[in-house]
Protein backbone atom coordinates (compact mmCIF):
# COMPACT_ATOMS: atom_id res chain seq x y z
CA LYS A 1 67.95 94.69 169.51
CA SER A 2 66.39 96.53 166.59
CA LYS A 3 64.92 94.61 163.68
CA SER A 4 65.58 97.64 161.48
CA LEU A 5 67.37 97.38 158.17
CA TRP A 6 69.83 99.93 159.57
CA ALA A 7 70.31 98.50 163.07
CA ASP A 8 73.90 99.76 163.01
CA CYS A 9 72.52 103.33 162.94
CA PHE A 10 70.86 102.78 166.29
CA GLU A 11 74.04 101.29 167.71
CA LEU A 12 76.02 104.31 166.51
CA ALA A 13 73.39 106.67 167.97
CA GLN A 14 73.67 104.93 171.34
CA VAL A 15 77.46 105.21 171.26
CA MET A 16 77.23 108.90 170.39
CA GLN A 17 74.71 109.48 173.16
CA HIS A 18 77.13 108.06 175.73
CA ARG A 19 80.46 109.29 174.34
CA ARG A 20 79.55 112.80 173.23
CA ILE A 21 80.39 115.65 175.54
CA PRO A 22 77.19 117.66 176.16
CA GLY A 23 77.34 121.03 174.44
CA SER A 24 80.27 120.00 172.23
CA ASP A 25 80.39 120.75 168.53
CA CYS A 26 81.03 117.12 167.68
CA VAL A 27 80.64 116.19 163.99
CA VAL A 28 80.10 112.62 162.76
CA VAL A 29 81.33 111.74 159.27
CA ASP A 30 78.84 109.29 157.74
CA VAL A 31 80.82 107.58 154.95
CA GLY A 32 78.45 105.66 152.71
CA ALA A 33 75.48 107.69 153.91
CA ASN A 34 73.18 105.96 151.42
CA ILE A 35 69.74 107.59 151.62
CA GLY A 36 70.52 109.26 154.94
CA ALA A 37 69.04 106.94 157.57
CA CYS A 38 71.99 107.21 159.96
CA SER A 39 72.58 110.87 159.14
CA ALA A 40 68.95 111.76 159.89
CA LEU A 41 68.92 109.81 163.16
CA LEU A 42 72.08 111.55 164.36
CA ALA A 43 70.86 114.96 163.19
CA ALA A 44 67.61 114.45 165.09
CA MET A 45 69.81 113.99 168.19
CA ASN A 46 71.39 117.42 167.45
CA VAL A 47 74.60 115.85 166.20
CA GLU A 48 76.04 117.58 163.15
CA VAL A 49 76.78 115.18 160.30
CA LEU A 50 78.98 115.26 157.20
CA ALA A 51 77.23 112.75 154.92
CA VAL A 52 79.43 111.30 152.18
CA GLU A 53 77.57 109.40 149.43
CA ALA A 54 78.87 108.61 145.95
CA LEU A 55 75.81 107.34 144.10
CA PRO A 56 73.68 110.05 142.47
CA GLY A 57 70.32 108.37 143.22
CA ASN A 58 71.14 107.83 146.88
CA PHE A 59 72.55 111.33 147.17
CA ALA A 60 69.35 112.87 145.79
CA LYS A 61 67.28 110.87 148.29
CA LEU A 62 69.57 111.86 151.13
CA LYS A 63 69.17 115.57 150.24
CA ALA A 64 65.39 115.19 149.91
CA ALA A 65 65.10 113.37 153.23
CA ALA A 66 67.12 116.08 154.99
CA ALA A 67 64.87 118.77 153.50
CA LEU A 68 61.63 116.95 154.36
CA SER A 69 62.68 116.33 157.94
CA LYS A 70 63.96 119.92 158.28
CA LEU A 71 67.43 118.65 159.22
CA GLU A 72 69.34 120.47 156.48
CA SER A 73 71.11 122.68 159.01
CA GLU A 74 72.53 119.59 160.76
CA ILE A 75 73.51 117.60 157.65
CA THR A 76 76.26 118.73 155.31
CA SER A 77 76.44 116.42 152.31
CA THR A 78 78.86 115.76 149.51
CA ARG A 79 78.58 113.41 146.50
CA ARG A 80 82.01 111.81 146.19
CA ALA A 81 83.47 108.35 146.51
CA PRO A 82 85.68 108.47 149.63
CA ILE A 83 88.45 106.51 147.99
CA ASN A 84 92.12 107.35 148.13
CA VAL A 85 92.74 107.66 144.39
CA LEU A 86 96.41 106.81 144.87
CA TRP A 87 95.50 103.32 146.12
CA SER A 88 92.63 102.38 143.84
CA ALA A 89 92.97 100.55 140.54
CA ALA A 90 89.37 101.60 139.83
CA VAL A 91 90.37 105.22 139.18
CA GLU A 92 90.08 106.27 135.56
CA PRO A 93 93.54 107.26 134.25
CA GLY A 94 94.11 111.02 134.28
CA THR A 95 90.97 111.79 136.33
CA ASP A 96 89.74 111.93 139.89
CA HIS A 97 86.75 109.67 139.09
CA VAL A 98 86.13 105.98 139.68
CA MET A 99 83.83 103.60 137.88
CA MET A 100 81.44 101.92 140.30
CA GLU A 101 79.35 98.91 139.41
CA VAL A 102 75.76 99.31 140.55
CA PRO A 103 73.70 96.07 140.67
CA LEU A 104 70.49 96.49 138.69
CA ASP A 105 68.50 94.54 141.28
CA ALA A 106 69.76 96.62 144.24
CA PRO A 107 70.58 100.14 143.04
CA CYS A 108 71.42 101.40 146.53
CA LEU A 109 74.47 99.12 146.74
CA ALA A 110 77.61 99.61 144.72
CA ARG A 111 80.93 97.89 144.35
CA LEU A 112 84.16 98.83 142.68
CA GLN A 113 84.43 95.47 140.97
CA ALA A 114 82.35 94.34 138.00
CA THR A 115 79.44 91.97 138.42
CA ALA A 116 77.30 90.20 135.83
CA ASN A 117 74.10 92.06 136.69
CA ALA A 118 75.33 95.66 136.93
CA ARG A 119 75.75 98.94 135.13
CA ALA A 120 78.70 101.27 135.56
CA GLN A 121 78.41 104.77 136.98
CA ARG A 122 81.19 107.34 136.91
CA VAL A 123 81.50 109.15 140.24
CA PRO A 124 83.94 111.75 141.58
CA ALA A 125 86.44 110.43 144.12
CA ALA A 126 88.79 111.90 146.70
CA ALA A 127 90.62 110.80 149.82
CA LEU A 128 88.48 111.06 152.95
CA ASP A 129 91.10 113.38 154.48
CA ASP A 130 90.54 115.77 151.57
CA ILE A 131 86.73 115.53 151.71
CA VAL A 132 86.67 116.39 155.42
CA GLN A 133 89.29 119.14 155.04
CA GLU A 134 87.29 120.77 152.22
CA SER A 135 84.11 120.65 154.34
CA GLY A 136 85.63 122.99 156.91
CA LEU A 137 84.61 120.61 159.71
CA TRP A 138 88.04 119.01 160.31
CA GLU A 139 88.64 120.31 163.85
CA ARG A 140 85.22 119.15 165.08
CA VAL A 141 85.09 115.56 163.77
CA CYS A 142 84.76 113.17 166.71
CA ALA A 143 83.40 110.03 165.03
CA VAL A 144 83.45 108.30 161.66
CA LYS A 145 81.01 105.67 160.36
CA VAL A 146 82.17 103.74 157.28
CA ASP A 147 79.83 101.41 155.37
CA ILE A 148 80.72 101.39 151.68
CA GLU A 149 80.07 97.88 150.47
CA GLY A 150 83.56 96.42 150.46
CA ALA A 151 85.63 99.54 149.75
CA GLU A 152 86.19 100.35 153.44
CA LEU A 153 89.95 99.76 153.30
CA LEU A 154 90.27 102.16 150.36
CA ALA A 155 88.46 104.82 152.36
CA LEU A 156 90.54 104.23 155.48
CA ARG A 157 93.76 104.50 153.49
CA GLY A 158 92.63 107.98 152.53
CA ALA A 159 91.87 108.94 156.15
CA GLN A 160 95.28 108.54 157.75
CA LYS A 161 95.46 112.13 159.02
CA LEU A 162 91.84 112.15 160.18
CA LEU A 163 92.27 108.93 162.14
CA ALA A 164 95.72 109.73 163.56
CA PRO A 165 96.00 109.10 167.32
CA SER A 166 96.61 112.82 167.91
CA GLY A 167 93.31 113.75 166.23
CA SER A 168 89.86 114.42 167.63
CA VAL A 169 88.20 111.20 166.41
CA HIS A 170 87.30 109.01 169.38
CA THR A 171 84.90 106.58 167.66
CA VAL A 172 85.19 104.65 164.40
CA PHE A 173 82.16 102.56 163.47
CA LEU A 174 83.15 100.20 160.66
CA GLU A 175 81.19 97.65 158.69
CA MET A 176 83.39 95.17 156.85
CA TYR A 177 82.52 92.88 153.96
């Protein structure tokens, strides 16, 4: 077992190695891509990734890491909170943005609820179904990884079409808080 901070990335990579059909155009949606550790690992395995990350700092690092490792062709990224705006009380009235609380002592983690040691960041939000549809990768998505610090249910509520039994997704890798 890996002692890595992102051990779940290695578990997901192993699952993809065994479940992926060789030569397929399988796309993994990495929801809560953070700085791109899982996305880069999958891309290095020639798996195309749609990386979804809401926080501007993490998103910039994800883009830089993809460029440095020459994996830009395998990683499509979008900076949005994958939250079904119809279900979230955190959505600002009249907008498609949510306010996320970012702890000052751990800026890579964010929560939708307020904490004592945090600053608010306004981020664009959309249902995961819409994010994937807009990416043009809908037909090829075979797996979804969701790790968004306690907002997993909000993301899943916005992925009802993507995760429908008749769809192409065969693996959902979920971290729950």
